[in-house]
Amino acid sequence: MRIPKRLVPLIECGIIERVVRPLLSGKEAQVYLVESEGELRAAKVYKSLKERSFKNRASYTEGRKVRNSRDQRAMNKRSRYGRDREEEAWNSAEADMIYKLYNAGVRVPQPFEFMEGVLLMECIEGPNGGPAPRLSDWDFEDNEAQIVFDQLIQEVVRMLCADVVHADLSVYNVLLEEEGPVVIDFPQSIGASQNRHAKRILLRDVANITSHFRLGRKLNQLRFGHEMWDLYERGELEPDTILTGKFKLPQKEIDAEKLLDEMYEIEEEEIRRKQDEDDDFDDRPSSGGPRPRPKKGARRGRRKRR
């Protein structure tokens, strides 16, 4: 296994004793299972700007500041020095956010060290042992799904009380341990009170979760994002606030849950149409010649709805 260059300084300093294997690879970073202080931990190695697939970050960096005024001026001017400092600030943003949320009682991996573009943190263990699975990879019983959903919504409430919106929340960015969900991946996170896009981004985050855990509820019973933001704006949201999901939308208010649900319905209808076309091809009698093929890019399999 090839060891990433960014892990070498941590190995030389004795912070990491051994690199066990790769764990995950995403658009922002790669995660490795490592041994540190005699226990297994996760080392998140951030990719360079040219290696990242996510580049449209203006909506997420709004309101972010650095302490050094010279650096901030250079970043605002987009000079070469400023771009280098902006890159460092982007890489350190997740580490800063995880330390903040961990101290606020949000269930995130415990951070241990941030050095040379590497975040060393707790390796979350799954219900069956070994590294924890993502929610997207776990099959729930109905009663189990309800418990995990309620726990996850409560973590979003705690994040908002800490003035944080995840900004990329989905079942792919939540791990499942025996005690419940653990939220991960915060490089795009934003300050709720500092970013004018915060409400829209929070509603999208929550809609991503409610669309996965429908649990037989109607759309008007899934207004957790709207309810949460309304309480936050009025200064009445507390870390232990229990939401109902029932909220009357103001006139002309964006219905994030409905939009996402309609998008999935369109997607599923397109998948069913492609499958019907494939079935037609398969049922046609063979003439000895080559059989027609579906158009390139046709998707197979239906999105699993919860």
Foldseek 3Di string as FASTA:
>chain_A
DDDDPLCVVCCVVQQFVAFDAWDDDDQFWTWTWTAGPRDTWIKTAGDAPVSGPDDPQPLQCFQDDDPDVVLRVCLVVVDPSNVVVVRVCLLCVQVVLVVLLVVLVQQAWAWDDDDSSMTITHQAAAQVGDGFDFQVPDDDDLVRLVVQLQSVLLSQLSQVVSQKAQLDAASRQWTAHPVYIHGHDRSRMHGCVRGPCNLVSQLLNQLRSCFQNVSPPDLQQQQSSVVSVVCVVVVNRDSPDGDRSHDDDDPPDDSNNVVVNVVLVVVQVQLVVQVVVVVVQVPDDDPPDDGDDGDPPRDHDHDDHD
